[in-house]
Amino acid sequence: MKNRRRFLKTVSAMSLLQPAQAARSAPARDYFKELGVRPIINACGNYTRYSASLMPKEVLQAMEYASTRYVRLNDLQDAAGARIASLAGAESAMVTAGAASAISLGTTACITGKNTDFIHRIPDTSGMKNTVILPKGHRNSYDHAIRACGAKLVEVDSIAELDKAVNTETAMLAFYNLHGPAGRITPEELAAAGRRHGVPILIDAAADIPPIENLTKFTRIGFDLVCFSGGKAISGPQSAGMLIGRRDLIEAAKLNTSPYSASIHRGMKVSKEEILGMLVALETYLKRDHAADQKEWLRRVDAISARVTELHGVSAELWIPPIASHMPHVKVRWDASKIRRTVKEAIEELRQGDPPIEVHLDSKDELILAVWTLLPGEEKVVANRIHAMLKRG
């Protein structure tokens, strides 16, 4: 309950999430059924492998609007980016093909600038600044987004090590916000080091809205480039994201991608529908009644907890990750001496059921359930399925 009280104190500063889906007329065709694809109940969260978020009607209307008109793509990217930048309190912005795309584009921009010869030669970075320094503990699968640009990664364990590592080949300093606690360098310290050395600094904050303050926080403390996912809490197109920051670097990033064919990131194209959809998703998200959203998510936490803890030996608690997907989850545990089923077996049974239920990817010693990606009423289905499964022992 202490965790719950702490969460409620910050509810007005947070935001949420999966927008309530308005009733829509049934489609003429059941496309997933035709393809033999079973829709899931998403108690996992806004993960790409489970198709991220559901878009609100405002976003779908914007994308449909864009689909009926031709436009110069650069004109739309510039105008939408200017609007996004104004909302984020930054100099400039662009819509990208997701957060990983934003990392790659930001890195390449720091390597090539607007030098056409450099842009055409990437990933051959000979003769260019091509090293990226990041804190130890920040290496992860998204290293590919940096290394694909021809950059070399250099790890440092302290600001003193960073000061020694910076040289004429240093193109960028990088920080993965999710992995911040794993290193010994804070975002503020890295930003200050970047300013001191005159080196651009990029932060990956893909799933770090909410809290809503993060939309403007990182540029305020000095990061030159900030990467956000569009298909998570903001509920934009799954394949969209945002690169926000310094005008000259955003302009260089645009030159390294579509519609320019002689660029390494040509394949990371975003359509007019995605550009407009991303902008409208952000506008819509900022207008939401976030306190009402949080109240509903906490109600779902309570509903699931109450149902599963009817069983002897089963406990449940509210859990809110400190970084990334900073929203209500439920952790469900059970006494292994009373219920022999392992967590791994429980996950597989939920996955193979009808309808399939996917739980949080970090479920190892307990079931972790995200509640904001559930459709109205699905919290009852999830609670009843877990109750029935654990009751069988």
Protein backbone atom coordinates (compact mmCIF):
# COMPACT_ATOMS: atom_id res chain seq x y z
CA MET A 1 0.00 0.00 0.00
CA LYS A 2 2.96 2.29 0.56
CA ASN A 3 3.79 1.94 -3.13
CA ARG A 4 0.19 2.80 -4.01
CA ARG A 5 0.17 5.96 -1.85
CA ARG A 6 3.44 7.13 -3.38
CA PHE A 7 2.00 6.57 -6.84
CA LEU A 8 -1.19 8.52 -6.10
CA LYS A 9 0.85 11.50 -4.92
CA THR A 10 2.46 11.74 -8.33
CA VAL A 11 -0.62 10.93 -10.37
CA SER A 12 -1.20 14.51 -11.48
CA ALA A 13 2.31 14.67 -12.89
CA MET A 14 1.98 11.41 -14.74
CA SER A 15 0.12 10.49 -17.82
CA LEU A 16 -1.43 7.55 -19.24
CA LEU A 17 -1.80 5.56 -21.63
CA GLN A 18 -3.79 3.19 -23.56
CA PRO A 19 -6.65 5.45 -24.65
CA ALA A 20 -10.14 4.12 -24.19
CA GLN A 21 -11.25 2.77 -27.52
CA ALA A 22 -14.47 4.22 -28.82
CA ALA A 23 -17.04 1.76 -30.12
CA ARG A 24 -16.48 1.19 -33.80
CA SER A 25 -18.62 -0.48 -36.39
CA ALA A 26 -17.70 -4.07 -37.15
CA PRO A 27 -15.40 -4.38 -40.18
CA ALA A 28 -16.76 -5.96 -43.32
CA ARG A 29 -14.10 -8.68 -43.06
CA ASP A 30 -12.50 -10.38 -40.09
CA TYR A 31 -8.99 -10.06 -41.50
CA PHE A 32 -7.13 -11.72 -38.64
CA LYS A 33 -9.50 -14.68 -38.68
CA GLU A 34 -9.03 -15.05 -42.43
CA LEU A 35 -5.28 -15.17 -41.91
CA GLY A 36 -5.49 -17.57 -39.00
CA VAL A 37 -4.02 -14.99 -36.60
CA ARG A 38 -5.46 -14.98 -33.08
CA PRO A 39 -5.79 -11.57 -31.38
CA ILE A 40 -4.39 -11.54 -27.85
CA ILE A 41 -5.29 -9.97 -24.55
CA ASN A 42 -2.33 -7.71 -23.94
CA ALA A 43 -1.37 -7.80 -20.26
CA CYS A 44 2.24 -7.32 -21.28
CA GLY A 45 2.50 -3.64 -22.17
CA ASN A 46 3.40 -1.54 -25.21
CA TYR A 47 6.02 -3.93 -26.57
CA THR A 48 6.71 -4.03 -30.30
CA ARG A 49 6.39 -7.82 -30.49
CA TYR A 50 2.81 -7.49 -29.26
CA SER A 51 1.99 -4.64 -31.67
CA ALA A 52 2.64 -1.77 -29.23
CA SER A 53 -0.40 0.45 -28.63
CA LEU A 54 -3.91 0.97 -29.94
CA MET A 55 -4.45 4.28 -31.70
CA PRO A 56 -7.31 6.58 -30.65
CA LYS A 57 -9.85 7.71 -33.21
CA GLU A 58 -8.22 11.14 -33.57
CA VAL A 59 -5.04 9.50 -34.84
CA LEU A 60 -6.90 7.18 -37.20
CA GLN A 61 -8.85 10.13 -38.59
CA ALA A 62 -5.63 12.07 -39.19
CA MET A 63 -4.04 9.12 -40.97
CA GLU A 64 -7.12 8.59 -43.12
CA TYR A 65 -7.09 12.31 -43.98
CA ALA A 66 -3.44 12.09 -45.05
CA SER A 67 -4.13 8.97 -47.12
CA THR A 68 -6.47 10.87 -49.44
CA ARG A 69 -4.06 13.67 -50.37
CA TYR A 70 -0.66 14.08 -51.98
CA VAL A 71 1.91 16.30 -50.30
CA ARG A 72 5.61 17.12 -50.53
CA LEU A 73 6.99 14.84 -47.84
CA ASN A 74 9.69 17.28 -46.76
CA ASP A 75 7.10 20.05 -46.33
CA LEU A 76 5.00 17.85 -44.07
CA GLN A 77 7.99 16.58 -42.09
CA ASP A 78 9.20 20.15 -41.50
CA ALA A 79 5.77 21.47 -40.48
CA ALA A 80 4.90 18.52 -38.23
CA GLY A 81 8.38 18.62 -36.71
CA ALA A 82 8.02 22.31 -35.92
CA ARG A 83 4.71 21.61 -34.13
CA ILE A 84 6.19 18.70 -32.18
CA ALA A 85 9.20 20.81 -31.21
CA SER A 86 6.93 23.55 -29.87
CA LEU A 87 5.11 21.00 -27.70
CA ALA A 88 8.40 19.53 -26.49
CA GLY A 89 10.09 22.87 -25.80
CA ALA A 90 12.87 22.12 -28.28
CA GLU A 91 14.46 23.84 -31.26
CA SER A 92 13.42 21.21 -33.77
CA ALA A 93 12.02 17.70 -34.21
CA MET A 94 11.23 15.07 -36.80
CA VAL A 95 9.08 11.98 -37.02
CA THR A 96 11.13 8.79 -37.29
CA ALA A 97 10.43 5.11 -37.93
CA GLY A 98 10.37 4.36 -34.20
CA ALA A 99 12.79 5.13 -31.37
CA ALA A 100 15.55 2.85 -32.68
CA SER A 101 15.38 4.76 -35.95
CA ALA A 102 15.72 8.00 -33.99
CA ILE A 103 18.89 6.65 -32.36
CA SER A 104 20.40 5.74 -35.73
CA LEU A 105 19.42 9.03 -37.34
CA GLY A 106 20.75 11.02 -34.40
CA THR A 107 24.03 9.14 -34.45
CA THR A 108 24.49 9.57 -38.19
CA ALA A 109 23.68 13.26 -37.94
CA CYS A 110 26.47 13.68 -35.38
CA ILE A 111 28.91 11.83 -37.65
CA THR A 112 28.10 13.43 -41.02
CA GLY A 113 26.53 16.76 -40.25
CA LYS A 114 25.26 18.12 -43.57
CA ASN A 115 28.36 17.02 -45.50
CA THR A 116 26.95 15.36 -48.63
CA ASP A 117 30.09 13.34 -49.27
CA PHE A 118 29.99 11.91 -45.74
CA ILE A 119 26.27 11.16 -46.06
CA HIS A 120 26.85 9.19 -49.25
CA ARG A 121 29.75 7.20 -47.75
CA ILE A 122 28.12 6.01 -44.51
CA PRO A 123 28.69 3.40 -43.05
CA ASP A 124 32.28 3.96 -44.23
CA THR A 125 33.30 6.52 -41.60
CA SER A 126 36.98 6.79 -42.48
CA GLY A 127 38.10 10.38 -42.09
CA MET A 128 35.06 11.28 -39.97
CA LYS A 129 34.42 11.58 -36.25
CA ASN A 130 33.15 8.07 -35.61
CA THR A 131 33.35 7.12 -31.92
CA VAL A 132 30.42 7.22 -29.52
CA ILE A 133 31.10 7.26 -25.78
CA LEU A 134 28.59 5.84 -23.31
CA PRO A 135 28.62 4.81 -19.64
CA LYS A 136 29.41 1.23 -18.68
CA GLY A 137 26.24 -0.67 -17.97
CA HIS A 138 24.43 0.92 -20.91
CA ARG A 139 25.30 -1.67 -23.55
CA ASN A 140 22.16 -3.39 -24.84
CA SER A 141 20.53 -4.80 -27.97
CA TYR A 142 20.00 -1.29 -29.35
CA ASP A 143 23.76 -0.92 -29.78
CA HIS A 144 23.00 -2.01 -33.34
CA ALA A 145 21.19 1.29 -33.94
CA ILE A 146 24.50 3.08 -33.31
CA ARG A 147 26.96 0.59 -34.79
CA ALA A 148 24.99 0.29 -38.04
CA CYS A 149 26.00 3.88 -38.78
CA GLY A 150 29.68 2.95 -38.79
CA ALA A 151 30.27 4.20 -35.26
CA LYS A 152 32.55 2.59 -32.69
CA LEU A 153 31.40 2.36 -29.08
CA VAL A 154 33.67 3.35 -26.21
CA GLU A 155 32.60 2.60 -22.62
CA VAL A 156 33.60 4.71 -19.63
CA ASP A 157 33.01 4.16 -15.92
CA SER A 158 33.22 7.73 -14.67
CA ILE A 159 33.28 11.34 -15.78
CA ALA A 160 37.04 11.34 -15.27
CA GLU A 161 37.35 8.43 -17.71
CA LEU A 162 35.04 10.20 -20.12
CA ASP A 163 37.15 13.36 -20.04
CA LYS A 164 40.20 11.28 -20.97
CA ALA A 165 38.34 9.34 -23.68
CA VAL A 166 37.04 12.37 -25.59
CA ASN A 167 39.24 13.19 -28.56
CA THR A 168 39.09 14.51 -32.11
CA GLU A 169 37.31 11.32 -33.25
CA THR A 170 34.45 11.62 -30.75
CA ALA A 171 31.18 12.17 -32.60
CA MET A 172 28.65 11.80 -29.78
CA LEU A 173 27.99 10.91 -26.15
CA ALA A 174 25.09 8.47 -25.60
CA PHE A 175 22.88 7.61 -22.64
CA TYR A 176 20.18 4.92 -22.37
CA ASN A 177 17.77 6.23 -19.77
CA LEU A 178 16.43 2.79 -18.86
CA HIS A 179 19.96 1.64 -18.01
CA GLY A 180 20.90 4.79 -16.11
CA PRO A 181 20.97 3.07 -12.69
CA ALA A 182 23.40 0.46 -14.04
CA GLY A 183 26.12 3.06 -14.59
CA ARG A 184 27.94 5.59 -12.43
CA ILE A 185 27.19 8.65 -14.58
CA THR A 186 23.94 10.60 -14.26
CA PRO A 187 22.14 12.23 -17.19
CA GLU A 188 22.99 15.65 -15.77
CA GLU A 189 26.68 14.77 -15.51
CA LEU A 190 26.79 13.47 -19.07
CA ALA A 191 25.01 16.56 -20.39
CA ALA A 192 27.48 18.81 -18.58
CA ALA A 193 30.40 16.82 -19.99
CA GLY A 194 29.03 17.16 -23.50
CA ARG A 195 28.77 20.92 -23.14
CA ARG A 196 32.26 21.11 -21.67
CA HIS A 197 33.78 19.22 -24.59
CA GLY A 198 31.52 20.61 -27.29
CA VAL A 199 30.29 17.11 -28.20
CA PRO A 200 26.60 16.38 -28.98
CA ILE A 201 24.73 14.22 -26.45
CA LEU A 202 21.90 11.80 -27.30
CA ILE A 203 19.53 10.07 -24.90
CA ASP A 204 17.27 7.12 -25.65
CA ALA A 205 14.05 7.67 -23.68
CA ALA A 206 11.90 5.40 -25.84
CA ALA A 207 9.33 4.30 -23.25
CA ASP A 208 9.91 7.07 -20.73
CA ILE A 209 6.67 8.97 -21.14
CA PRO A 210 5.06 9.04 -18.61
CA PRO A 211 5.91 11.02 -16.62
CA ILE A 212 4.85 13.74 -19.03
CA GLU A 213 7.63 16.01 -17.78
CA ASN A 214 10.12 13.82 -19.65
CA LEU A 215 8.89 15.29 -22.93
CA THR A 216 10.77 18.48 -22.08
CA LYS A 217 13.12 17.38 -19.26
CA PHE A 218 16.04 16.05 -21.26
CA THR A 219 16.45 19.03 -23.56
CA ARG A 220 16.20 21.28 -20.50
CA ILE A 221 19.13 19.57 -18.80
CA GLY A 222 21.24 19.83 -21.93
CA PHE A 223 20.76 16.82 -24.22
CA ASP A 224 21.09 17.77 -27.88
CA LEU A 225 19.02 14.84 -29.16
CA VAL A 226 16.19 12.96 -27.45
CA CYS A 227 14.61 9.77 -28.83
CA PHE A 228 11.03 8.76 -28.05
CA SER A 229 8.84 5.93 -29.25
CA GLY A 230 5.51 6.95 -30.75
CA GLY A 231 3.78 3.60 -30.38
CA LYS A 232 3.95 3.24 -26.61
CA ALA A 233 2.17 5.50 -24.11
CA ILE A 234 1.58 8.25 -26.66
CA SER A 235 -0.46 5.74 -28.70
CA GLY A 236 0.69 6.82 -32.13
CA PRO A 237 1.50 4.54 -35.08
CA GLN A 238 3.57 1.58 -33.93
CA SER A 239 6.25 2.26 -36.53
CA ALA A 240 6.66 5.94 -35.61
CA GLY A 241 8.86 7.79 -33.16
CA MET A 242 10.31 11.22 -32.54
CA LEU A 243 13.80 12.70 -32.64
CA ILE A 244 13.78 16.00 -30.77
CA GLY A 245 16.55 18.51 -30.20
CA ARG A 246 19.08 20.81 -31.83
CA ARG A 247 18.00 22.31 -35.15
CA ASP A 248 21.28 21.72 -37.02
CA LEU A 249 21.40 18.06 -35.97
CA ILE A 250 17.75 17.45 -36.88
CA GLU A 251 18.38 18.98 -40.30
CA ALA A 252 21.39 16.68 -40.74
CA ALA A 253 19.30 13.67 -39.65
CA LYS A 254 16.69 14.45 -42.29
CA LEU A 255 19.34 14.42 -44.99
CA ASN A 256 20.32 10.88 -43.94
CA THR A 257 16.93 9.30 -44.59
CA SER A 258 13.97 9.17 -46.95
CA PRO A 259 13.07 10.75 -49.31
CA TYR A 260 16.79 10.91 -50.14
CA SER A 261 17.76 7.66 -51.83
CA ALA A 262 21.54 8.05 -51.41
CA SER A 263 21.35 7.73 -47.64
CA ILE A 264 21.95 4.80 -45.31
CA HIS A 265 18.60 5.26 -43.60
CA ARG A 266 16.49 5.44 -46.76
CA GLY A 267 14.75 2.27 -45.59
CA MET A 268 13.65 4.01 -42.37
CA LYS A 269 11.01 5.95 -44.26
CA VAL A 270 7.90 7.30 -42.61
CA SER A 271 4.78 7.91 -44.62
CA LYS A 272 2.64 11.03 -44.66
CA GLU A 273 0.06 9.06 -42.70
CA GLU A 274 2.58 8.21 -39.98
CA ILE A 275 3.97 11.76 -39.79
CA LEU A 276 0.54 13.29 -39.32
CA GLY A 277 -0.61 10.43 -37.09
CA MET A 278 2.40 10.88 -34.80
CA LEU A 279 1.77 14.60 -34.43
CA VAL A 280 -1.93 14.14 -33.67
CA ALA A 281 -1.15 11.31 -31.24
CA LEU A 282 1.12 13.64 -29.24
CA GLU A 283 -1.44 16.46 -29.31
CA THR A 284 -4.20 14.07 -28.21
CA TYR A 285 -2.07 12.54 -25.48
CA LEU A 286 -1.24 15.92 -23.96
CA LYS A 287 -4.97 16.78 -23.77
CA ARG A 288 -6.00 13.58 -21.97
CA ASP A 289 -7.39 13.53 -18.44
CA HIS A 290 -4.41 11.70 -17.04
CA ALA A 291 -5.73 11.63 -13.48
CA ALA A 292 -8.88 9.87 -14.68
CA ASP A 293 -6.75 7.39 -16.63
CA GLN A 294 -4.70 6.59 -13.53
CA LYS A 295 -7.80 6.11 -11.43
CA GLU A 296 -9.08 3.55 -13.93
CA TRP A 297 -5.76 1.69 -14.06
CA LEU A 298 -5.63 1.47 -10.29
CA ARG A 299 -9.19 0.14 -10.26
CA ARG A 300 -8.05 -2.61 -12.61
CA VAL A 301 -5.10 -3.39 -10.34
CA ASP A 302 -7.50 -3.73 -7.40
CA ALA A 303 -9.95 -5.88 -9.39
CA ILE A 304 -7.28 -8.36 -10.48
CA SER A 305 -5.67 -8.43 -7.04
CA ALA A 306 -8.96 -9.03 -5.24
CA ARG A 307 -9.91 -11.94 -7.50
CA VAL A 308 -6.63 -13.85 -7.45
CA THR A 309 -6.03 -13.41 -3.72
CA GLU A 310 -9.28 -15.23 -2.99
CA LEU A 311 -7.04 -18.30 -3.24
CA HIS A 312 -5.02 -19.37 -0.22
CA GLY A 313 -1.32 -18.86 -0.78
CA VAL A 314 -1.71 -16.26 -3.56
CA SER A 315 -0.60 -12.63 -3.10
CA ALA A 316 -0.77 -9.61 -5.37
CA GLU A 317 0.64 -6.11 -5.22
CA LEU A 318 0.83 -2.92 -7.22
CA TRP A 319 4.15 -2.42 -9.01
CA ILE A 320 5.27 0.67 -10.91
CA PRO A 321 8.60 0.45 -12.76
CA PRO A 322 10.83 3.40 -11.83
CA ILE A 323 11.95 3.96 -15.44
CA ALA A 324 10.21 3.01 -18.70
CA SER A 325 6.54 2.04 -18.75
CA HIS A 326 6.18 3.97 -15.48
CA MET A 327 2.60 2.84 -15.04
CA PRO A 328 0.55 0.50 -12.83
CA HIS A 329 1.25 -3.24 -13.03
CA VAL A 330 0.13 -6.15 -10.85
CA LYS A 331 2.62 -8.68 -9.49
CA VAL A 332 1.00 -12.03 -8.68
CA ARG A 333 2.90 -14.58 -6.57
CA TRP A 334 1.95 -17.91 -5.04
CA ASP A 335 3.24 -20.32 -2.44
CA ALA A 336 4.99 -23.11 -4.34
CA SER A 337 4.25 -25.57 -1.53
CA LYS A 338 0.51 -25.07 -2.07
CA ILE A 339 0.40 -24.45 -5.84
CA ARG A 340 2.84 -26.62 -7.78
CA ARG A 341 2.50 -24.82 -11.09
CA THR A 342 5.65 -22.87 -12.01
CA VAL A 343 5.55 -19.32 -13.34
CA LYS A 344 6.91 -20.58 -16.65
CA GLU A 345 4.08 -23.12 -16.89
CA ALA A 346 1.53 -20.46 -15.99
CA ILE A 347 2.82 -18.12 -18.69
CA GLU A 348 2.57 -20.85 -21.31
CA GLU A 349 -0.94 -21.88 -20.25
CA LEU A 350 -2.15 -18.28 -20.48
CA ARG A 351 -0.48 -17.94 -23.86
CA GLN A 352 -2.09 -21.08 -25.27
CA GLY A 353 -5.56 -20.31 -23.90
CA ASP A 354 -8.56 -18.83 -25.69
CA PRO A 355 -8.12 -15.95 -26.04
CA PRO A 356 -4.33 -15.94 -25.61
CA ILE A 357 -3.07 -13.74 -22.77
CA GLU A 358 0.45 -12.34 -22.88
CA VAL A 359 2.05 -11.13 -19.64
CA HIS A 360 5.00 -8.84 -19.01
CA LEU A 361 8.31 -10.00 -20.47
CA ASP A 362 10.05 -9.72 -17.08
CA SER A 363 7.78 -12.37 -15.54
CA LYS A 364 10.25 -14.82 -14.05
CA ASP A 365 9.50 -15.42 -10.36
CA GLU A 366 5.99 -14.00 -10.50
CA LEU A 367 3.37 -13.03 -13.06
CA ILE A 368 3.63 -9.35 -13.94
CA LEU A 369 0.55 -7.89 -15.58
CA ALA A 370 0.25 -4.54 -17.33
CA VAL A 371 -3.25 -3.08 -16.96
CA TRP A 372 -3.21 -0.02 -19.24
CA THR A 373 -3.08 -2.09 -22.43
CA LEU A 374 -6.21 -4.03 -21.46
CA LEU A 375 -9.46 -3.19 -23.18
CA PRO A 376 -12.43 -2.41 -20.91
CA GLY A 377 -13.58 -5.58 -19.20
CA GLU A 378 -10.47 -7.60 -20.03
CA GLU A 379 -9.19 -7.21 -16.47
CA LYS A 380 -12.03 -9.56 -15.43
CA VAL A 381 -11.06 -12.10 -18.07
CA VAL A 382 -7.42 -12.00 -16.97
CA ALA A 383 -8.30 -12.25 -13.28
CA ASN A 384 -10.70 -15.16 -13.81
CA ARG A 385 -8.27 -17.08 -16.01
CA ILE A 386 -5.45 -16.76 -13.47
CA HIS A 387 -7.81 -17.65 -10.61
CA ALA A 388 -9.04 -20.79 -12.40
CA MET A 389 -5.52 -21.82 -13.40
CA LEU A 390 -4.05 -21.45 -9.90
CA LYS A 391 -7.08 -23.07 -8.28
CA ARG A 392 -6.25 -26.24 -10.21
CA GLY A 393 -2.86 -26.16 -8.53
